[in-house]
N, C-alpha and C. Protein backbone atom coordinates (compact mmCIF):
# COMPACT_ATOMS: atom_id res chain seq x y z
N MET A 1 0.81 -1.18 0.01
CA MET A 1 -0.01 0.00 -0.01
C MET A 1 0.87 1.26 0.00
N ALA A 2 1.99 1.17 0.61
CA ALA A 2 2.85 2.31 0.72
C ALA A 2 3.31 2.68 -0.68
N GLY A 3 3.51 1.76 -1.58
CA GLY A 3 3.88 2.01 -2.96
C GLY A 3 2.81 2.78 -3.73
N ALA A 4 1.55 2.48 -3.54
CA ALA A 4 0.50 3.13 -4.19
C ALA A 4 0.36 4.56 -3.73
N GLY A 5 0.57 4.81 -2.39
CA GLY A 5 0.50 6.15 -1.83
C GLY A 5 1.61 7.00 -2.33
N GLU A 6 2.83 6.46 -2.53
CA GLU A 6 3.93 7.23 -3.02
C GLU A 6 3.70 7.61 -4.56
N ALA A 7 3.18 6.71 -5.28
CA ALA A 7 2.92 7.02 -6.72
C ALA A 7 1.84 8.12 -6.78
N TYR A 8 0.88 8.11 -5.92
CA TYR A 8 -0.14 9.17 -5.94
C TYR A 8 0.47 10.52 -5.56
N ALA A 9 1.35 10.47 -4.60
CA ALA A 9 2.05 11.74 -4.17
C ALA A 9 2.88 12.27 -5.28
N GLN A 10 3.56 11.39 -6.06
CA GLN A 10 4.42 11.87 -7.18
C GLN A 10 3.58 12.46 -8.29
N GLN A 11 2.38 11.92 -8.56
CA GLN A 11 1.50 12.47 -9.54
C GLN A 11 1.04 13.84 -9.17
N GLN A 12 0.76 14.08 -7.87
CA GLN A 12 0.30 15.38 -7.42
C GLN A 12 1.35 16.45 -7.53
N ASN A 13 2.62 16.06 -7.38
CA ASN A 13 3.76 17.03 -7.43
C ASN A 13 4.19 17.37 -8.82
N GLN A 14 3.78 16.65 -9.84
CA GLN A 14 4.18 16.87 -11.19
C GLN A 14 3.49 18.14 -11.69
N PRO A 15 4.22 18.92 -12.47
CA PRO A 15 3.61 20.15 -12.95
C PRO A 15 2.55 19.84 -14.03
N GLN A 16 1.49 20.39 -13.94
CA GLN A 16 0.36 20.22 -14.88
C GLN A 16 0.62 21.04 -16.15
N PRO A 17 0.36 20.47 -17.30
CA PRO A 17 0.49 21.31 -18.57
C PRO A 17 -0.56 22.42 -18.51
N GLN A 18 -0.08 23.60 -18.92
CA GLN A 18 -1.03 24.76 -18.85
C GLN A 18 -2.00 24.71 -20.08
N GLN A 19 -3.24 24.98 -19.74
CA GLN A 19 -4.26 25.10 -20.76
C GLN A 19 -4.13 26.42 -21.53
N PRO A 20 -4.23 26.40 -22.84
CA PRO A 20 -4.16 27.68 -23.59
C PRO A 20 -5.34 28.54 -23.19
N VAL A 21 -5.02 29.86 -23.05
CA VAL A 21 -6.10 30.80 -22.65
C VAL A 21 -6.78 31.21 -23.95
N LEU A 22 -8.11 31.05 -23.99
CA LEU A 22 -8.87 31.51 -25.15
C LEU A 22 -9.18 32.93 -25.05
N LEU A 23 -8.88 33.64 -26.08
CA LEU A 23 -9.24 35.10 -26.17
C LEU A 23 -10.64 35.30 -26.60
N ASP A 24 -11.23 36.37 -26.22
CA ASP A 24 -12.53 36.74 -26.71
C ASP A 24 -12.45 37.00 -28.21
N SER A 25 -13.45 36.52 -28.91
CA SER A 25 -13.51 36.66 -30.35
C SER A 25 -13.52 38.12 -30.79
N LEU A 26 -14.20 38.95 -30.00
CA LEU A 26 -14.21 40.40 -30.25
C LEU A 26 -12.80 40.97 -30.20
N VAL A 27 -12.00 40.60 -29.21
CA VAL A 27 -10.67 41.10 -29.02
C VAL A 27 -9.85 40.64 -30.21
N GLN A 28 -9.98 39.35 -30.59
CA GLN A 28 -9.21 38.86 -31.75
C GLN A 28 -9.57 39.64 -32.99
N ASP A 29 -10.85 39.92 -33.25
CA ASP A 29 -11.23 40.61 -34.49
C ASP A 29 -10.72 42.03 -34.50
N THR A 30 -10.67 42.74 -33.32
CA THR A 30 -10.29 44.11 -33.36
C THR A 30 -8.79 44.29 -33.57
N THR A 31 -8.08 43.25 -33.34
CA THR A 31 -6.63 43.36 -33.53
C THR A 31 -6.27 43.34 -35.04
N ARG A 32 -7.16 42.84 -35.93
CA ARG A 32 -6.91 42.87 -37.34
C ARG A 32 -7.68 44.03 -38.04
N LEU A 33 -8.18 45.01 -37.29
CA LEU A 33 -9.06 46.01 -37.81
C LEU A 33 -8.40 46.94 -38.87
N PRO A 34 -7.13 47.39 -38.69
CA PRO A 34 -6.61 48.35 -39.67
C PRO A 34 -6.57 47.76 -41.08
N LEU A 35 -7.40 48.33 -41.96
CA LEU A 35 -7.51 47.90 -43.32
C LEU A 35 -7.02 49.01 -44.22
N THR A 36 -6.53 48.68 -45.39
CA THR A 36 -6.22 49.71 -46.33
C THR A 36 -7.48 50.25 -46.93
N SER A 37 -7.37 51.38 -47.59
CA SER A 37 -8.62 52.00 -48.15
C SER A 37 -9.12 51.15 -49.25
N GLU A 38 -8.32 50.50 -49.97
CA GLU A 38 -8.76 49.61 -51.02
C GLU A 38 -9.52 48.40 -50.45
N GLN A 39 -9.04 47.80 -49.36
CA GLN A 39 -9.74 46.70 -48.77
C GLN A 39 -11.09 47.18 -48.17
N LEU A 40 -11.11 48.38 -47.62
CA LEU A 40 -12.33 48.92 -47.03
C LEU A 40 -13.38 49.16 -48.15
N HIS A 41 -12.89 49.68 -49.26
CA HIS A 41 -13.77 49.93 -50.41
C HIS A 41 -14.36 48.65 -50.92
N GLN A 42 -13.54 47.61 -51.08
CA GLN A 42 -13.99 46.33 -51.53
C GLN A 42 -15.03 45.66 -50.56
N TYR A 43 -14.76 45.88 -49.21
CA TYR A 43 -15.67 45.36 -48.25
C TYR A 43 -17.07 46.11 -48.33
N GLU A 44 -17.02 47.41 -48.54
CA GLU A 44 -18.32 48.13 -48.72
C GLU A 44 -19.03 47.71 -49.95
N GLN A 45 -18.35 47.47 -51.04
CA GLN A 45 -19.02 47.06 -52.24
C GLN A 45 -19.66 45.63 -52.04
N ASN A 46 -19.03 44.78 -51.42
CA ASN A 46 -19.59 43.46 -51.08
C ASN A 46 -20.86 43.56 -50.26
N ILE A 47 -20.86 44.43 -49.28
CA ILE A 47 -22.05 44.67 -48.49
C ILE A 47 -23.17 45.21 -49.34
N ARG A 48 -22.86 46.21 -50.20
CA ARG A 48 -23.94 46.79 -51.01
C ARG A 48 -24.47 45.74 -52.03
N SER A 49 -23.59 44.94 -52.58
CA SER A 49 -24.09 43.93 -53.56
C SER A 49 -24.98 42.94 -52.90
N SER A 50 -24.60 42.50 -51.70
CA SER A 50 -25.44 41.58 -50.98
C SER A 50 -26.79 42.15 -50.57
N ALA A 51 -26.86 43.40 -50.34
CA ALA A 51 -28.13 44.08 -50.03
C ALA A 51 -29.04 44.14 -51.22
N ASP A 52 -28.44 44.14 -52.45
CA ASP A 52 -29.28 44.20 -53.66
C ASP A 52 -29.92 42.86 -54.03
N LEU A 53 -29.48 41.80 -53.33
CA LEU A 53 -30.02 40.47 -53.66
C LEU A 53 -31.44 40.39 -53.24
N GLU A 54 -32.33 39.83 -54.08
CA GLU A 54 -33.68 39.64 -53.76
C GLU A 54 -34.05 38.23 -54.28
N ILE A 55 -35.17 37.74 -53.77
CA ILE A 55 -35.65 36.46 -54.29
C ILE A 55 -36.41 36.74 -55.58
N ASP A 56 -35.92 36.21 -56.66
CA ASP A 56 -36.58 36.39 -57.99
C ASP A 56 -37.38 35.16 -58.28
N GLY A 57 -38.55 35.38 -58.85
CA GLY A 57 -39.28 34.27 -59.39
C GLY A 57 -39.90 33.31 -58.36
N LEU A 58 -40.38 33.84 -57.29
CA LEU A 58 -40.96 33.00 -56.26
C LEU A 58 -42.36 32.62 -56.61
N ILE A 59 -42.72 31.36 -56.50
CA ILE A 59 -44.03 30.80 -56.83
C ILE A 59 -44.64 30.35 -55.48
N VAL A 60 -45.67 31.02 -55.02
CA VAL A 60 -46.31 30.75 -53.74
C VAL A 60 -47.51 29.87 -53.91
N ASP A 61 -47.59 28.82 -53.13
CA ASP A 61 -48.68 27.85 -53.23
C ASP A 61 -49.67 28.00 -52.04
N ASN A 62 -50.81 28.58 -52.28
CA ASN A 62 -51.85 28.73 -51.29
C ASN A 62 -53.09 27.93 -51.71
N THR A 63 -52.82 26.66 -52.03
CA THR A 63 -53.93 25.78 -52.47
C THR A 63 -54.41 24.95 -51.28
N ILE A 64 -55.60 24.38 -51.40
CA ILE A 64 -56.26 23.61 -50.41
C ILE A 64 -56.51 22.21 -50.74
N THR A 65 -57.08 21.99 -51.87
CA THR A 65 -57.51 20.69 -52.33
C THR A 65 -56.50 19.99 -53.25
N LYS A 66 -56.77 18.79 -53.58
CA LYS A 66 -55.89 18.09 -54.51
C LYS A 66 -55.89 18.70 -55.89
N ALA A 67 -57.07 19.13 -56.31
CA ALA A 67 -57.16 19.75 -57.67
C ALA A 67 -56.30 21.04 -57.70
N GLY A 68 -56.36 21.88 -56.66
CA GLY A 68 -55.52 23.07 -56.55
C GLY A 68 -54.09 22.76 -56.55
N ARG A 69 -53.75 21.71 -55.76
CA ARG A 69 -52.30 21.27 -55.67
C ARG A 69 -51.82 20.78 -56.99
N ASP A 70 -52.66 20.00 -57.70
CA ASP A 70 -52.29 19.51 -59.02
C ASP A 70 -52.05 20.70 -60.02
N PHE A 71 -52.90 21.69 -59.95
CA PHE A 71 -52.70 22.93 -60.74
C PHE A 71 -51.34 23.53 -60.47
N TYR A 72 -51.08 23.72 -59.16
CA TYR A 72 -49.76 24.31 -58.77
C TYR A 72 -48.59 23.48 -59.30
N GLU A 73 -48.68 22.20 -59.10
CA GLU A 73 -47.54 21.38 -59.52
C GLU A 73 -47.36 21.36 -61.07
N VAL A 74 -48.44 21.35 -61.84
CA VAL A 74 -48.27 21.39 -63.33
C VAL A 74 -47.65 22.73 -63.69
N PHE A 75 -48.18 23.80 -63.07
CA PHE A 75 -47.68 25.16 -63.41
C PHE A 75 -46.17 25.27 -63.00
N GLN A 76 -45.88 24.89 -61.82
CA GLN A 76 -44.49 25.01 -61.31
C GLN A 76 -43.57 24.16 -62.14
N ARG A 77 -43.93 22.99 -62.47
CA ARG A 77 -43.04 22.02 -63.23
C ARG A 77 -42.76 22.58 -64.60
N GLN A 78 -43.68 23.24 -65.29
CA GLN A 78 -43.45 23.71 -66.65
C GLN A 78 -43.01 25.18 -66.67
N TRP A 79 -42.98 25.90 -65.58
CA TRP A 79 -42.68 27.27 -65.55
C TRP A 79 -41.17 27.59 -65.83
N GLU A 80 -40.98 28.50 -66.78
CA GLU A 80 -39.64 29.09 -66.97
C GLU A 80 -39.78 30.56 -67.20
N ALA A 81 -39.08 31.32 -66.37
CA ALA A 81 -39.28 32.79 -66.37
C ALA A 81 -38.58 33.35 -67.61
N PRO A 82 -39.11 34.52 -68.07
CA PRO A 82 -38.41 35.24 -69.15
C PRO A 82 -37.02 35.65 -68.72
N PRO A 83 -36.05 35.71 -69.63
CA PRO A 83 -34.68 35.97 -69.24
C PRO A 83 -34.44 37.27 -68.46
N MET A 84 -35.16 38.35 -68.82
CA MET A 84 -34.93 39.66 -68.20
C MET A 84 -35.89 39.98 -67.03
N ALA A 85 -36.78 39.07 -66.70
CA ALA A 85 -37.77 39.32 -65.66
C ALA A 85 -37.08 39.28 -64.28
N ARG A 86 -37.28 40.28 -63.42
CA ARG A 86 -36.70 40.32 -62.09
C ARG A 86 -37.79 40.77 -61.11
N ASN A 87 -37.56 40.41 -59.86
CA ASN A 87 -38.41 40.83 -58.73
C ASN A 87 -39.84 40.60 -58.97
N PHE A 88 -40.27 39.34 -59.10
CA PHE A 88 -41.68 39.08 -59.30
C PHE A 88 -41.99 37.87 -58.40
N THR A 89 -43.28 37.85 -58.05
CA THR A 89 -43.87 36.78 -57.23
C THR A 89 -45.09 36.30 -57.85
N ILE A 90 -45.22 35.03 -58.09
CA ILE A 90 -46.40 34.44 -58.61
C ILE A 90 -47.19 33.74 -57.44
N GLU A 91 -48.45 34.12 -57.27
CA GLU A 91 -49.17 33.44 -56.14
C GLU A 91 -50.33 32.68 -56.77
N ILE A 92 -50.43 31.41 -56.43
CA ILE A 92 -51.56 30.62 -56.84
C ILE A 92 -52.39 30.30 -55.58
N GLU A 93 -53.59 30.83 -55.65
CA GLU A 93 -54.50 30.72 -54.47
C GLU A 93 -55.74 30.01 -54.85
N GLU A 94 -56.24 29.22 -53.90
CA GLU A 94 -57.46 28.42 -54.15
C GLU A 94 -58.50 28.94 -53.19
N LEU A 95 -59.71 29.20 -53.74
CA LEU A 95 -60.89 29.64 -52.90
C LEU A 95 -61.87 28.51 -52.81
N PRO A 96 -62.49 28.28 -51.70
CA PRO A 96 -63.48 27.22 -51.58
C PRO A 96 -64.66 27.58 -52.41
N SER A 97 -65.32 26.52 -52.93
CA SER A 97 -66.49 26.71 -53.74
C SER A 97 -67.46 25.51 -53.46
N ARG A 98 -68.66 25.65 -53.99
CA ARG A 98 -69.64 24.63 -53.80
C ARG A 98 -69.36 23.35 -54.60
N GLY A 99 -69.76 22.28 -54.07
CA GLY A 99 -69.69 21.01 -54.83
C GLY A 99 -68.28 20.56 -55.05
N ASN A 100 -68.04 19.96 -56.21
CA ASN A 100 -66.80 19.35 -56.61
C ASN A 100 -65.81 20.30 -57.21
N ILE A 101 -66.29 21.56 -57.46
CA ILE A 101 -65.47 22.57 -58.21
C ILE A 101 -64.76 23.41 -57.27
N THR A 102 -63.54 23.81 -57.65
CA THR A 102 -62.73 24.72 -56.88
C THR A 102 -62.39 25.91 -57.70
N VAL A 103 -62.17 27.08 -57.07
CA VAL A 103 -61.87 28.31 -57.77
C VAL A 103 -60.36 28.64 -57.57
N VAL A 104 -59.66 28.69 -58.68
CA VAL A 104 -58.18 28.90 -58.62
C VAL A 104 -57.96 30.35 -59.09
N SER A 105 -57.15 31.06 -58.36
CA SER A 105 -56.78 32.44 -58.65
C SER A 105 -55.28 32.51 -58.78
N LEU A 106 -54.80 33.24 -59.81
CA LEU A 106 -53.36 33.41 -60.01
C LEU A 106 -53.08 34.93 -60.11
N SER A 107 -52.12 35.33 -59.32
CA SER A 107 -51.70 36.76 -59.42
C SER A 107 -50.19 36.89 -59.43
N VAL A 108 -49.74 37.97 -60.10
CA VAL A 108 -48.34 38.26 -60.23
C VAL A 108 -48.13 39.60 -59.67
N ASN A 109 -47.26 39.71 -58.60
CA ASN A 109 -46.98 40.92 -57.92
C ASN A 109 -48.27 41.59 -57.51
N GLU A 110 -49.17 40.79 -56.92
CA GLU A 110 -50.40 41.27 -56.38
C GLU A 110 -51.35 41.79 -57.43
N ASP A 111 -51.11 41.57 -58.73
CA ASP A 111 -52.06 41.88 -59.77
C ASP A 111 -52.75 40.62 -60.20
N LYS A 112 -54.04 40.49 -59.97
CA LYS A 112 -54.72 39.33 -60.26
C LYS A 112 -54.88 39.18 -61.77
N LEU A 113 -54.38 38.09 -62.32
CA LEU A 113 -54.45 37.86 -63.76
C LEU A 113 -55.53 36.81 -64.10
N PHE A 114 -55.92 36.02 -63.17
CA PHE A 114 -56.78 34.86 -63.59
C PHE A 114 -57.58 34.41 -62.34
N GLU A 115 -58.80 34.17 -62.52
CA GLU A 115 -59.64 33.52 -61.52
C GLU A 115 -60.68 32.70 -62.20
N GLN A 116 -60.73 31.41 -61.99
CA GLN A 116 -61.62 30.57 -62.79
C GLN A 116 -61.98 29.28 -61.99
N PRO A 117 -63.23 28.89 -62.09
CA PRO A 117 -63.57 27.61 -61.45
C PRO A 117 -62.85 26.48 -62.17
N LEU A 118 -62.43 25.50 -61.44
CA LEU A 118 -61.57 24.41 -62.04
C LEU A 118 -62.18 23.10 -61.59
N GLN A 119 -62.44 22.28 -62.59
CA GLN A 119 -62.97 20.91 -62.26
C GLN A 119 -61.84 20.04 -61.90
N PRO A 120 -62.13 19.04 -61.08
CA PRO A 120 -61.06 18.16 -60.55
C PRO A 120 -60.56 17.06 -61.52
N ARG A 121 -60.59 17.33 -62.81
CA ARG A 121 -60.17 16.41 -63.85
C ARG A 121 -58.78 16.82 -64.28
N TYR A 122 -57.80 15.86 -64.26
CA TYR A 122 -56.40 16.21 -64.47
C TYR A 122 -56.14 16.80 -65.86
N ASP A 123 -56.85 16.31 -66.94
CA ASP A 123 -56.58 16.82 -68.26
C ASP A 123 -57.07 18.31 -68.37
N ILE A 124 -58.10 18.67 -67.70
CA ILE A 124 -58.56 20.04 -67.67
C ILE A 124 -57.58 20.92 -66.86
N ILE A 125 -57.07 20.40 -65.75
CA ILE A 125 -56.13 21.10 -64.93
C ILE A 125 -54.84 21.40 -65.77
N GLU A 126 -54.34 20.39 -66.45
CA GLU A 126 -53.14 20.62 -67.27
C GLU A 126 -53.38 21.64 -68.36
N GLU A 127 -54.52 21.58 -69.01
CA GLU A 127 -54.86 22.52 -70.08
C GLU A 127 -54.89 24.01 -69.53
N VAL A 128 -55.57 24.21 -68.39
CA VAL A 128 -55.67 25.54 -67.84
C VAL A 128 -54.31 25.99 -67.36
N ALA A 129 -53.53 25.12 -66.69
CA ALA A 129 -52.18 25.51 -66.24
C ALA A 129 -51.29 25.91 -67.39
N THR A 130 -51.36 25.14 -68.48
CA THR A 130 -50.53 25.43 -69.63
C THR A 130 -50.93 26.81 -70.30
N TYR A 131 -52.22 27.03 -70.30
CA TYR A 131 -52.66 28.34 -70.80
C TYR A 131 -52.19 29.50 -69.91
N MET A 132 -52.25 29.30 -68.64
CA MET A 132 -51.80 30.33 -67.71
C MET A 132 -50.29 30.59 -67.74
N LEU A 133 -49.54 29.59 -68.09
CA LEU A 133 -48.07 29.74 -68.29
C LEU A 133 -47.82 30.83 -69.31
N GLY A 134 -48.55 30.75 -70.45
CA GLY A 134 -48.39 31.75 -71.52
C GLY A 134 -48.86 33.10 -71.10
N VAL A 135 -50.00 33.19 -70.35
CA VAL A 135 -50.48 34.53 -69.89
C VAL A 135 -49.49 35.16 -68.93
N VAL A 136 -48.93 34.40 -67.99
CA VAL A 136 -47.96 34.96 -67.02
C VAL A 136 -46.66 35.34 -67.73
N TYR A 137 -46.23 34.56 -68.64
CA TYR A 137 -44.97 34.81 -69.38
C TYR A 137 -45.11 36.16 -70.10
N GLU A 138 -46.29 36.27 -70.87
CA GLU A 138 -46.56 37.51 -71.58
C GLU A 138 -46.66 38.76 -70.67
N TYR A 139 -47.30 38.58 -69.51
CA TYR A 139 -47.44 39.64 -68.55
C TYR A 139 -46.02 40.12 -68.11
N LEU A 140 -45.20 39.19 -67.78
CA LEU A 140 -43.85 39.56 -67.27
C LEU A 140 -42.99 40.26 -68.32
N VAL A 141 -43.11 39.77 -69.55
CA VAL A 141 -42.38 40.38 -70.72
C VAL A 141 -42.87 41.86 -70.89
N ASN A 142 -44.12 42.02 -70.89
CA ASN A 142 -44.73 43.37 -71.08
C ASN A 142 -44.37 44.30 -69.93
N ASP A 143 -44.40 43.75 -68.71
CA ASP A 143 -44.01 44.51 -67.51
C ASP A 143 -42.58 44.92 -67.62
N GLN A 144 -41.69 44.03 -67.98
CA GLN A 144 -40.27 44.42 -68.11
C GLN A 144 -40.07 45.43 -69.21
N LEU A 145 -40.77 45.31 -70.36
CA LEU A 145 -40.70 46.31 -71.37
C LEU A 145 -41.15 47.69 -70.93
N ASN A 146 -42.26 47.75 -70.18
CA ASN A 146 -42.71 49.01 -69.66
C ASN A 146 -41.74 49.63 -68.68
N LYS A 147 -41.09 48.78 -67.85
CA LYS A 147 -40.07 49.36 -66.94
C LYS A 147 -38.84 49.95 -67.72
N GLN A 148 -38.46 49.29 -68.77
CA GLN A 148 -37.35 49.75 -69.57
C GLN A 148 -37.77 51.06 -70.29
N LEU A 149 -39.00 51.13 -70.75
CA LEU A 149 -39.41 52.44 -71.44
C LEU A 149 -39.48 53.55 -70.45
N GLU A 150 -40.01 53.23 -69.22
CA GLU A 150 -40.03 54.30 -68.22
C GLU A 150 -38.64 54.72 -67.80
N ALA A 151 -37.74 53.79 -67.77
CA ALA A 151 -36.37 54.19 -67.38
C ALA A 151 -35.69 55.05 -68.42
N GLU A 152 -36.11 54.90 -69.67
CA GLU A 152 -35.55 55.70 -70.75
C GLU A 152 -36.32 57.04 -70.85
N GLY A 153 -37.36 57.21 -70.08
CA GLY A 153 -38.10 58.47 -70.12
C GLY A 153 -39.15 58.55 -71.20
N LYS A 154 -39.48 57.48 -71.85
CA LYS A 154 -40.44 57.46 -72.92
C LYS A 154 -41.85 57.15 -72.38
N LYS A 155 -42.84 57.39 -73.15
CA LYS A 155 -44.19 57.12 -72.78
C LYS A 155 -44.46 55.64 -72.67
N GLU A 156 -45.21 55.21 -71.59
CA GLU A 156 -45.49 53.79 -71.45
C GLU A 156 -46.29 53.26 -72.61
N ARG A 157 -46.00 52.00 -73.00
CA ARG A 157 -46.64 51.40 -74.12
C ARG A 157 -48.06 51.08 -73.71
N GLU A 158 -49.03 51.38 -74.58
CA GLU A 158 -50.48 51.13 -74.27
C GLU A 158 -50.84 49.69 -74.71
N VAL A 159 -51.65 49.05 -73.86
CA VAL A 159 -52.15 47.74 -74.12
C VAL A 159 -53.59 47.83 -74.54
N PHE A 160 -54.01 47.35 -75.69
CA PHE A 160 -55.38 47.37 -76.14
C PHE A 160 -56.05 46.05 -75.85
């Protein structure tokens, strides 16, 4: 037993390795603060460009029934935005109706383009969704054209 006690006493007398002291992350970051004017300018440009980012081409699904969900899925699967279209949101909303029929409403940037009763037959749903793809595409192209004309200071193109 005396041997075990001596070994324990020797372990207690040995110097313990020192743990590295962790510095506060704020203190570490402030030590690297002096930046050149070019680095500061680049940093400001990165911040500005990230602030310009927006979600483009968001399609929102506010459907309730299977027929509404099928309409959304067909529309979303076939949708391809015009190349120059920016900052738009397409909302597909379903309103309750009597019987087996549902009312589907489609709006772009809060402008209602379409509201129609929809039968729960898949072939009709596909046909209506395909038609609405063309309507929304044309709306976005015309909207982009109007924005370009307004930016150039010209009169807005009239739609008949």
